[in-house]
């Protein structure tokens, strides 16, 4: 059975690169109309649009900083105005600093930026999308967290805290929104071959260390995270809510 999302409407944040771009392309290939947010790289966003079936007739890029409520509102309103509905929301936008950052050297600005993008940016888009889903009596929300949100991450503690907050947020929302037939789940990747991880993965010694700790022997491709996201947005996942789907090659066996 193929997964099809014909004539549905999906919103993806952080859609111009990495996991987000792979998700936008996959949803479009499966028939969905897609509105995605990007923060600054207009050229990359336009390249994603061009790579999708239907181009800008079915895929729209919106410049938005989802850490700001007004930008989240603009993103959601664009989707509703253009396509009249929202079936799925993929809250994917996030940052991760490659350089180790001990807690005693972490600045207030670094903490605030991490929480604003990785946690508040999930809140804003969900806050704006949920009324439309309630009105339609259904919807899917998939949030991209991380294995770091379950086990923590030394020298990236603000990242782990933001992703742990996302997981708790998802679990609470899943029961809150279940009466409205809105399913809320989380995908938690491990290492993924994206530009965010390039500074680490291009160091031969670090790459060997990372790969040797993954039972499958390699990091994930972005498409290998996009496919579980698609599954959670499909009818195949119609009785799943409040779950964390780990996509990490067996690296971290989190419950």
Protein backbone atom coordinates (compact mmCIF):
# COMPACT_ATOMS: atom_id res chain seq x y z
CA UNK A 1 0.00 0.00 0.00
CA UNK A 2 1.50 3.30 -1.11
CA UNK A 3 1.16 6.34 1.11
CA UNK A 4 -0.80 9.06 -0.67
CA UNK A 5 -1.70 12.53 0.59
CA UNK A 6 -3.56 13.69 -2.50
CA UNK A 7 -5.09 17.16 -2.14
CA UNK A 8 -4.07 17.43 1.50
CA UNK A 9 -2.22 20.46 2.85
CA UNK A 10 0.94 20.26 4.94
CA UNK A 11 2.98 22.94 6.64
CA UNK A 12 6.68 22.32 7.28
CA UNK A 13 8.97 24.61 9.25
CA UNK A 14 12.67 24.71 8.48
CA UNK A 15 11.88 23.49 4.99
CA UNK A 16 14.77 24.90 2.99
CA UNK A 17 17.43 22.40 4.06
CA UNK A 18 18.14 19.02 5.60
CA UNK A 19 15.27 17.03 7.08
CA UNK A 20 12.80 19.80 6.34
CA UNK A 21 13.65 19.98 2.64
CA UNK A 22 13.47 16.20 2.33
CA UNK A 23 10.07 16.27 4.01
CA UNK A 24 8.72 18.99 1.73
CA UNK A 25 9.80 17.04 -1.36
CA UNK A 26 8.43 13.73 -0.11
CA UNK A 27 5.05 15.18 0.86
CA UNK A 28 4.78 16.87 -2.54
CA UNK A 29 5.69 13.61 -4.30
CA UNK A 30 2.88 11.91 -2.37
CA UNK A 31 0.32 14.43 -3.60
CA UNK A 32 0.22 16.99 -0.80
CA UNK A 33 0.20 20.73 -1.24
CA UNK A 34 2.95 22.14 0.97
CA UNK A 35 3.64 25.50 2.58
CA UNK A 36 7.05 25.65 4.19
CA UNK A 37 8.93 28.20 6.24
CA UNK A 38 12.54 29.21 5.84
CA UNK A 39 14.47 31.66 7.97
CA UNK A 40 16.90 33.42 5.63
CA UNK A 41 18.16 31.49 2.58
CA UNK A 42 15.72 32.45 -0.17
CA UNK A 43 17.80 30.79 -2.89
CA UNK A 44 17.75 27.45 -1.08
CA UNK A 45 14.02 27.76 -0.49
CA UNK A 46 13.37 28.47 -4.16
CA UNK A 47 15.50 25.47 -5.12
CA UNK A 48 13.30 23.26 -2.95
CA UNK A 49 10.17 24.64 -4.62
CA UNK A 50 11.60 23.95 -8.09
CA UNK A 51 12.49 20.39 -7.12
CA UNK A 52 8.93 19.51 -6.17
CA UNK A 53 6.19 18.18 -8.46
CA UNK A 54 3.92 21.04 -9.43
CA UNK A 55 6.45 23.67 -8.46
CA UNK A 56 5.02 26.89 -7.08
CA UNK A 57 1.47 25.86 -7.95
CA UNK A 58 1.52 23.34 -5.12
CA UNK A 59 4.51 24.31 -2.97
CA UNK A 60 4.93 27.72 -1.35
CA UNK A 61 7.95 29.03 0.51
CA UNK A 62 7.34 31.63 3.23
CA UNK A 63 10.12 33.57 4.90
CA UNK A 64 9.36 33.34 8.60
CA UNK A 65 11.17 33.26 11.91
CA UNK A 66 8.93 30.90 13.85
CA UNK A 67 10.39 32.12 17.13
CA UNK A 68 8.14 35.14 16.52
CA UNK A 69 4.39 34.68 16.86
CA UNK A 70 3.61 37.17 14.10
CA UNK A 71 5.72 35.17 11.63
CA UNK A 72 4.08 31.90 12.70
CA UNK A 73 0.70 33.53 12.15
CA UNK A 74 1.76 34.66 8.67
CA UNK A 75 2.87 31.13 7.80
CA UNK A 76 -0.39 29.52 8.90
CA UNK A 77 -2.54 32.20 7.29
CA UNK A 78 -0.69 31.75 4.01
CA UNK A 79 -1.57 28.07 3.96
CA UNK A 80 -5.23 28.65 4.85
CA UNK A 81 -5.63 31.50 2.38
CA UNK A 82 -4.03 29.58 -0.49
CA UNK A 83 -5.35 26.06 0.15
CA UNK A 84 -8.27 26.56 2.59
CA UNK A 85 -7.20 23.92 5.10
CA UNK A 86 -4.42 22.35 7.13
CA UNK A 87 -4.11 18.59 7.37
CA UNK A 88 -0.60 18.21 8.76
CA UNK A 89 1.92 20.38 10.55
CA UNK A 90 5.57 19.33 10.71
CA UNK A 91 7.42 21.45 13.27
CA UNK A 92 10.99 20.83 12.20
CA UNK A 93 12.86 24.15 12.45
CA UNK A 94 15.81 23.93 14.80
CA UNK A 95 19.44 24.77 15.43
CA UNK A 96 22.36 22.83 16.88
CA UNK A 97 25.80 24.32 17.58
CA UNK A 98 28.62 22.10 16.38
CA UNK A 99 31.18 23.47 18.82
CA UNK A 100 31.09 22.14 22.39
CA UNK A 101 29.77 24.73 24.83
CA UNK A 102 30.42 24.13 28.55
CA UNK A 103 27.65 25.42 30.78
CA UNK A 104 29.95 27.91 32.55
CA UNK A 105 30.75 29.56 29.20
CA UNK A 106 27.19 29.55 27.87
CA UNK A 107 25.77 33.03 27.54
CA UNK A 108 22.22 34.14 28.17
CA UNK A 109 21.94 35.02 24.48
CA UNK A 110 23.00 31.49 23.42
CA UNK A 111 20.50 29.91 25.81
CA UNK A 112 17.68 32.22 24.75
CA UNK A 113 18.29 31.70 21.02
CA UNK A 114 18.23 27.92 21.42
CA UNK A 115 14.99 27.89 23.40
CA UNK A 116 13.38 30.49 21.14
CA UNK A 117 13.95 28.54 17.92
CA UNK A 118 13.81 24.92 19.09
CA UNK A 119 11.02 25.15 21.67
CA UNK A 120 9.12 28.41 21.31
CA UNK A 121 9.17 27.96 17.53
CA UNK A 122 7.24 24.71 18.01
CA UNK A 123 4.74 26.41 20.30
CA UNK A 124 4.03 29.32 17.96
CA UNK A 125 3.13 27.31 14.88
CA UNK A 126 1.07 24.79 16.84
CA UNK A 127 -0.72 27.62 18.64
CA UNK A 128 -1.68 29.15 15.30
CA UNK A 129 -2.52 25.92 13.46
CA UNK A 130 -4.63 24.12 16.07
CA UNK A 131 -7.75 26.34 15.79
CA UNK A 132 -7.98 25.46 12.09
CA UNK A 133 -7.57 21.76 12.86
CA UNK A 134 -10.21 21.89 15.57
CA UNK A 135 -12.60 23.55 13.13
CA UNK A 136 -11.99 20.74 10.63
CA UNK A 137 -12.27 18.11 13.40
CA UNK A 138 -8.89 16.55 12.79
CA UNK A 139 -5.26 16.90 11.87
CA UNK A 140 -1.74 15.61 12.36
CA UNK A 141 1.06 17.36 14.21
CA UNK A 142 4.56 15.89 13.94
CA UNK A 143 7.37 17.54 15.86
CA UNK A 144 11.03 16.81 15.16
CA UNK A 145 12.91 16.38 18.42
CA UNK A 146 16.16 14.43 18.96
CA UNK A 147 17.57 11.54 20.89
CA UNK A 148 19.33 14.30 22.86
CA UNK A 149 15.92 15.27 24.22
CA UNK A 150 15.65 11.88 25.91
CA UNK A 151 19.18 11.29 27.20
CA UNK A 152 20.57 14.84 27.37
CA UNK A 153 23.76 15.94 25.63
CA UNK A 154 26.91 17.02 27.40
CA UNK A 155 28.36 20.33 26.21
CA UNK A 156 25.12 20.96 24.31
CA UNK A 157 22.86 21.05 27.35
CA UNK A 158 20.72 23.90 26.05
CA UNK A 159 20.02 21.85 22.91
CA UNK A 160 19.07 18.77 24.95
CA UNK A 161 16.85 20.90 27.18
CA UNK A 162 15.03 22.41 24.21
CA UNK A 163 14.42 19.00 22.63
CA UNK A 164 13.37 17.46 25.94
CA UNK A 165 10.87 20.27 26.31
CA UNK A 166 9.51 19.46 22.87
CA UNK A 167 8.91 15.84 23.88
CA UNK A 168 7.04 16.81 27.05
CA UNK A 169 5.02 19.34 25.04
CA UNK A 170 4.04 16.65 22.53
CA UNK A 171 2.94 14.23 25.24
CA UNK A 172 0.74 16.82 26.93
CA UNK A 173 -0.78 17.99 23.65
CA UNK A 174 -1.56 14.46 22.51
CA UNK A 175 -4.10 13.96 25.29
CA UNK A 176 -5.35 17.54 25.17
CA UNK A 177 -6.11 17.40 21.45
CA UNK A 178 -7.25 13.78 21.16
CA UNK A 179 -10.94 14.70 21.62
CA UNK A 180 -10.59 16.85 18.49
CA UNK A 181 -9.13 13.91 16.53
CA UNK A 182 -5.78 15.69 16.26
CA UNK A 183 -2.86 13.28 16.54
CA UNK A 184 0.37 14.64 17.98
CA UNK A 185 3.61 12.68 17.67
CA UNK A 186 7.34 13.18 17.67
CA UNK A 187 10.17 11.93 15.48
CA UNK A 188 13.52 11.83 17.27
CA UNK A 189 16.50 11.49 14.92
CA UNK A 190 20.04 10.70 15.91
CA UNK A 191 22.91 11.78 13.67
CA UNK A 192 21.75 12.88 10.20
CA UNK A 193 23.86 13.88 7.20
CA UNK A 194 22.75 17.51 6.98
CA UNK A 195 24.61 20.79 6.66
CA UNK A 196 23.97 21.40 10.36
CA UNK A 197 26.16 18.39 11.18
CA UNK A 198 28.78 18.96 8.47
CA UNK A 199 31.32 20.63 10.79
CA UNK A 200 31.49 17.40 12.80
CA UNK A 201 30.89 14.75 10.13
CA UNK A 202 33.63 16.10 7.86
CA UNK A 203 36.26 15.52 10.55
CA UNK A 204 37.53 11.98 9.78
CA UNK A 205 38.24 11.07 13.40
CA UNK A 206 34.87 12.35 14.59
CA UNK A 207 33.06 10.66 11.72
CA UNK A 208 34.69 7.32 12.55
CA UNK A 209 33.78 7.72 16.21
CA UNK A 210 30.16 8.52 15.41
CA UNK A 211 29.73 5.73 12.85
CA UNK A 212 31.34 3.16 15.13
CA UNK A 213 28.73 3.94 17.79
CA UNK A 214 25.80 3.33 15.46
CA UNK A 215 24.83 -0.35 15.08
CA UNK A 216 23.90 0.25 11.43
CA UNK A 217 27.36 1.73 10.90
CA UNK A 218 26.42 5.08 9.36
CA UNK A 219 24.48 8.27 9.94
CA UNK A 220 21.01 8.72 8.46
CA UNK A 221 20.16 10.43 5.21
CA UNK A 222 17.56 13.23 5.54
CA UNK A 223 15.11 11.14 3.49
CA UNK A 224 15.31 8.40 6.11
CA UNK A 225 13.85 10.80 8.65
CA UNK A 226 11.32 12.29 6.24
CA UNK A 227 9.78 8.87 5.58
CA UNK A 228 8.79 8.24 9.23
CA UNK A 229 7.37 11.78 9.32
CA UNK A 230 5.28 10.92 6.25
CA UNK A 231 4.11 7.72 7.93
CA UNK A 232 2.87 9.65 10.97
CA UNK A 233 0.98 12.05 8.68
CA UNK A 234 -0.70 9.18 6.83
CA UNK A 235 -3.71 6.98 7.49
CA UNK A 236 -1.31 4.18 8.40
CA UNK A 237 -0.77 6.00 11.71
CA UNK A 238 -4.43 6.73 12.44
CA UNK A 239 -4.29 5.21 15.97
CA UNK A 240 -0.92 6.59 17.08
CA UNK A 241 -0.63 9.65 19.29
CA UNK A 242 1.72 10.87 22.00
CA UNK A 243 4.58 8.69 20.74
CA UNK A 244 8.29 9.27 20.15
CA UNK A 245 9.50 7.51 17.02
CA UNK A 246 13.27 7.13 17.32
CA UNK A 247 15.16 7.18 14.01
CA UNK A 248 18.76 6.64 14.96
CA UNK A 249 20.09 3.39 13.49
CA UNK A 250 19.99 1.79 16.94
CA UNK A 251 22.48 4.28 18.35
CA UNK A 252 20.39 5.30 21.36
CA UNK A 253 17.76 2.83 22.46
CA UNK A 254 15.40 5.29 24.11
CA UNK A 255 11.93 4.25 25.22
